[in-house]
Amino acid sequence: MTKLYNKNNEIEKRRLLRQNITQAETLIWHKVRDRQLENCKFRRQYSVDKFVIDFYSPELKLAIEIDGDSHFEDGAAEYDQARQEFMESVGIKFIRFTNNDVYGNLSGVLESIVQNIQNLRTSPPAPLLNKERGAR
């Protein structure tokens, strides 16, 4: 089975993204780091296959994406959709917010993240798809 998470060939991409974090991502990072929300561990700029997620909780398989200006350029919506569908197909819960959500309603964004954490901790895990079980 090939490695799906934090592949070595994506390390430079992750490093560059961490070095060039946006202001909205910085605001969220300062609120989710060090288990500040529901004692949930998040990593930033975490890769799954060839895709990099802004914030990821391995414990809950929860991805948080902050959509900045680049997500609204031509072709970005299709790429984001394909990326999200792939992550959901491997059992990752995906939530997204815009920069405007973060700037205009940070407390609401954080409440939404907390609600998702609580829901994932109390709901039974979703059944695995055949490809997740290693079926060929």
C-alpha atoms as a PDB file:
ATOM      1  CA  MET A   1       0.000   0.000   0.000  1.00  0.00           C
ATOM      2  CA  THR A   2       1.371   3.426  -0.875  1.00  0.00           C
ATOM      3  CA  LYS A   3       1.788   6.114   1.736  1.00  0.00           C
ATOM      4  CA  LEU A   4      -1.143   8.535   1.601  1.00  0.00           C
ATOM      5  CA  TYR A   5      -0.281  11.059   4.323  1.00  0.00           C
ATOM      6  CA  ASN A   6       2.567  13.598   4.359  1.00  0.00           C
ATOM      7  CA  LYS A   7       4.448  12.072   1.451  1.00  0.00           C
ATOM      8  CA  ASN A   8       8.119  12.968   1.293  1.00  0.00           C
ATOM      9  CA  ASN A   9       7.771  14.338  -2.238  1.00  0.00           C
ATOM     10  CA  GLU A  10       5.327  16.976  -0.915  1.00  0.00           C
ATOM     11  CA  ILE A  11       7.600  18.224   1.884  1.00  0.00           C
ATOM     12  CA  GLU A  12       8.859  21.304   0.043  1.00  0.00           C
ATOM     13  CA  LYS A  13       5.319  22.328  -0.951  1.00  0.00           C
ATOM     14  CA  ARG A  14       4.206  22.034   2.682  1.00  0.00           C
ATOM     15  CA  ARG A  15       7.218  24.013   3.882  1.00  0.00           C
ATOM     16  CA  LEU A  16       6.571  26.833   1.391  1.00  0.00           C
ATOM     17  CA  LEU A  17       2.911  27.009   2.362  1.00  0.00           C
ATOM     18  CA  ARG A  18       3.806  27.217   6.069  1.00  0.00           C
ATOM     19  CA  GLN A  19       6.276  30.007   5.337  1.00  0.00           C
ATOM     20  CA  ASN A  20       3.670  31.925   3.322  1.00  0.00           C
ATOM     21  CA  ILE A  21       0.667  31.454   5.588  1.00  0.00           C
ATOM     22  CA  THR A  22      -2.126  33.975   5.004  1.00  0.00           C
ATOM     23  CA  GLN A  23      -3.432  36.319   7.682  1.00  0.00           C
ATOM     24  CA  ALA A  24      -6.727  34.402   7.904  1.00  0.00           C
ATOM     25  CA  GLU A  25      -4.848  31.109   8.291  1.00  0.00           C
ATOM     26  CA  THR A  26      -2.667  32.695  10.982  1.00  0.00           C
ATOM     27  CA  LEU A  27      -5.766  33.747  12.933  1.00  0.00           C
ATOM     28  CA  ILE A  28      -7.169  30.217  12.816  1.00  0.00           C
ATOM     29  CA  TRP A  29      -3.808  28.596  13.578  1.00  0.00           C
ATOM     30  CA  HIS A  30      -3.433  30.684  16.747  1.00  0.00           C
ATOM     31  CA  LYS A  31      -6.840  29.377  17.891  1.00  0.00           C
ATOM     32  CA  VAL A  32      -6.482  25.682  17.017  1.00  0.00           C
ATOM     33  CA  ARG A  33      -2.824  25.003  17.810  1.00  0.00           C
ATOM     34  CA  ASP A  34      -1.709  23.367  21.041  1.00  0.00           C
ATOM     35  CA  ARG A  35      -5.055  21.594  21.535  1.00  0.00           C
ATOM     36  CA  GLN A  36      -6.892  24.846  22.350  1.00  0.00           C
ATOM     37  CA  LEU A  37     -10.193  23.672  20.858  1.00  0.00           C
ATOM     38  CA  GLU A  38     -11.725  20.653  22.595  1.00  0.00           C
ATOM     39  CA  ASN A  39      -8.228  19.296  23.310  1.00  0.00           C
ATOM     40  CA  CYS A  40      -8.001  18.384  19.613  1.00  0.00           C
ATOM     41  CA  LYS A  41      -4.573  18.204  17.959  1.00  0.00           C
ATOM     42  CA  PHE A  42      -4.317  19.979  14.594  1.00  0.00           C
ATOM     43  CA  ARG A  43      -1.429  20.058  12.173  1.00  0.00           C
ATOM     44  CA  ARG A  44      -0.999  22.773   9.582  1.00  0.00           C
ATOM     45  CA  GLN A  45      -0.211  22.308   5.908  1.00  0.00           C
ATOM     46  CA  TYR A  46      -0.714  18.561   6.079  1.00  0.00           C
ATOM     47  CA  SER A  47      -0.677  16.577   2.856  1.00  0.00           C
ATOM     48  CA  VAL A  48      -2.985  13.807   1.802  1.00  0.00           C
ATOM     49  CA  ASP A  49      -1.787  12.221  -1.426  1.00  0.00           C
ATOM     50  CA  LYS A  50      -0.862  15.169  -3.689  1.00  0.00           C
ATOM     51  CA  PHE A  51      -3.123  17.655  -1.874  1.00  0.00           C
ATOM     52  CA  VAL A  52      -2.217  19.938   1.033  1.00  0.00           C
ATOM     53  CA  ILE A  53      -4.805  20.784   3.693  1.00  0.00           C
ATOM     54  CA  ASP A  54      -4.546  24.013   5.688  1.00  0.00           C
ATOM     55  CA  PHE A  55      -5.323  22.292   9.026  1.00  0.00           C
ATOM     56  CA  TYR A  56      -5.826  18.619   9.789  1.00  0.00           C
ATOM     57  CA  SER A  57      -6.697  16.557  12.850  1.00  0.00           C
ATOM     58  CA  PRO A  58      -5.394  13.001  12.376  1.00  0.00           C
ATOM     59  CA  GLU A  59      -7.390  11.845  15.426  1.00  0.00           C
ATOM     60  CA  LEU A  60     -10.709  12.806  13.841  1.00  0.00           C
ATOM     61  CA  LYS A  61      -9.727  12.807  10.163  1.00  0.00           C
ATOM     62  CA  LEU A  62     -11.008  16.393  10.057  1.00  0.00           C
ATOM     63  CA  ALA A  63      -9.711  18.823   7.433  1.00  0.00           C
ATOM     64  CA  ILE A  64     -10.191  22.576   7.675  1.00  0.00           C
ATOM     65  CA  GLU A  65      -9.596  24.692   4.606  1.00  0.00           C
ATOM     66  CA  ILE A  66      -9.478  28.494   4.572  1.00  0.00           C
ATOM     67  CA  ASP A  67     -10.324  29.722   1.077  1.00  0.00           C
ATOM     68  CA  GLY A  68      -8.412  32.847   0.129  1.00  0.00           C
ATOM     69  CA  ASP A  69      -8.391  34.768  -3.126  1.00  0.00           C
ATOM     70  CA  SER A  70      -6.635  31.983  -5.053  1.00  0.00           C
ATOM     71  CA  HIS A  71      -9.664  29.733  -4.513  1.00  0.00           C
ATOM     72  CA  PHE A  72     -11.810  32.080  -6.598  1.00  0.00           C
ATOM     73  CA  GLU A  73      -9.633  32.165  -9.723  1.00  0.00           C
ATOM     74  CA  ASP A  74     -10.554  30.397 -12.979  1.00  0.00           C
ATOM     75  CA  GLY A  75     -10.513  26.627 -12.557  1.00  0.00           C
ATOM     76  CA  ALA A  76     -10.021  26.783  -8.792  1.00  0.00           C
ATOM     77  CA  ALA A  77     -13.580  25.715  -7.930  1.00  0.00           C
ATOM     78  CA  GLU A  78     -13.239  22.538 -10.012  1.00  0.00           C
ATOM     79  CA  TYR A  79      -9.850  21.738  -8.469  1.00  0.00           C
ATOM     80  CA  ASP A  80     -11.188  22.360  -4.944  1.00  0.00           C
ATOM     81  CA  GLN A  81     -14.193  20.126  -5.629  1.00  0.00           C
ATOM     82  CA  ALA A  82     -12.042  17.270  -6.947  1.00  0.00           C
ATOM     83  CA  ARG A  83      -9.687  17.664  -3.994  1.00  0.00           C
ATOM     84  CA  GLN A  84     -12.517  17.612  -1.479  1.00  0.00           C
ATOM     85  CA  GLU A  85     -14.177  14.602  -3.128  1.00  0.00           C
ATOM     86  CA  PHE A  86     -10.900  12.683  -3.005  1.00  0.00           C
ATOM     87  CA  MET A  87     -10.399  13.433   0.694  1.00  0.00           C
ATOM     88  CA  GLU A  88     -13.969  12.501   1.532  1.00  0.00           C
ATOM     89  CA  SER A  89     -13.505   9.232  -0.401  1.00  0.00           C
ATOM     90  CA  VAL A  90     -10.721   8.255   2.019  1.00  0.00           C
ATOM     91  CA  GLY A  91     -12.837   9.092   5.068  1.00  0.00           C
ATOM     92  CA  ILE A  92     -11.775  12.661   5.779  1.00  0.00           C
ATOM     93  CA  LYS A  93     -14.462  15.116   6.947  1.00  0.00           C
ATOM     94  CA  PHE A  94     -13.856  18.368   5.112  1.00  0.00           C
ATOM     95  CA  ILE A  95     -15.024  21.817   6.226  1.00  0.00           C
ATOM     96  CA  ARG A  96     -14.179  25.095   4.606  1.00  0.00           C
ATOM     97  CA  PHE A  97     -14.421  28.774   5.355  1.00  0.00           C
ATOM     98  CA  THR A  98     -13.519  31.867   3.372  1.00  0.00           C
ATOM     99  CA  ASN A  99     -11.100  34.559   4.487  1.00  0.00           C
ATOM    100  CA  ASN A 100     -14.163  36.807   4.879  1.00  0.00           C
ATOM    101  CA  ASP A 101     -15.739  34.266   7.255  1.00  0.00           C
ATOM    102  CA  VAL A 102     -12.596  34.338   9.388  1.00  0.00           C
ATOM    103  CA  TYR A 103     -12.260  38.142   9.386  1.00  0.00           C
ATOM    104  CA  GLY A 104     -15.956  38.897   9.823  1.00  0.00           C
ATOM    105  CA  ASN A 105     -17.063  36.106  12.147  1.00  0.00           C
ATOM    106  CA  LEU A 106     -14.079  34.424  13.796  1.00  0.00           C
ATOM    107  CA  SER A 107     -16.143  33.328  16.791  1.00  0.00           C
ATOM    108  CA  GLY A 108     -18.706  31.697  14.462  1.00  0.00           C
ATOM    109  CA  VAL A 109     -15.957  29.881  12.565  1.00  0.00           C
ATOM    110  CA  LEU A 110     -14.480  28.594  15.824  1.00  0.00           C
ATOM    111  CA  GLU A 111     -17.933  27.516  17.047  1.00  0.00           C
ATOM    112  CA  SER A 112     -18.431  25.596  13.808  1.00  0.00           C
ATOM    113  CA  ILE A 113     -15.068  23.863  14.228  1.00  0.00           C
ATOM    114  CA  VAL A 114     -15.916  22.955  17.840  1.00  0.00           C
ATOM    115  CA  GLN A 115     -19.307  21.587  16.744  1.00  0.00           C
ATOM    116  CA  ASN A 116     -17.639  19.439  14.073  1.00  0.00           C
ATOM    117  CA  ILE A 117     -15.112  18.117  16.607  1.00  0.00           C
ATOM    118  CA  GLN A 118     -17.884  17.243  19.052  1.00  0.00           C
ATOM    119  CA  ASN A 119     -19.991  15.599  16.346  1.00  0.00           C
ATOM    120  CA  LEU A 120     -17.088  13.491  15.099  1.00  0.00           C
ATOM    121  CA  ARG A 121     -16.246  12.352  18.615  1.00  0.00           C
ATOM    122  CA  THR A 122     -19.806  11.281  19.395  1.00  0.00           C
ATOM    123  CA  SER A 123     -20.896   9.778  16.080  1.00  0.00           C
ATOM    124  CA  PRO A 124     -19.878   6.279  14.984  1.00  0.00           C
ATOM    125  CA  PRO A 125     -17.224   6.139  12.265  1.00  0.00           C
ATOM    126  CA  ALA A 126     -18.448   5.904   8.698  1.00  0.00           C
ATOM    127  CA  PRO A 127     -18.034   2.506   7.033  1.00  0.00           C
ATOM    128  CA  LEU A 128     -14.894   2.170   4.937  1.00  0.00           C
ATOM    129  CA  LEU A 129     -15.135   2.060   1.191  1.00  0.00           C
ATOM    130  CA  ASN A 130     -13.638  -0.951  -0.585  1.00  0.00           C
ATOM    131  CA  LYS A 131     -10.543   0.956  -1.668  1.00  0.00           C
ATOM    132  CA  GLU A 132      -9.902   1.986   1.950  1.00  0.00           C
ATOM    133  CA  ARG A 133      -9.882  -1.661   3.033  1.00  0.00           C
ATOM    134  CA  GLY A 134      -7.162  -2.408   0.530  1.00  0.00           C
ATOM    135  CA  ALA A 135      -9.455  -4.026  -2.051  1.00  0.00           C
ATOM    136  CA  ARG A 136      -8.078  -4.044  -5.557  1.00  0.00           C
END
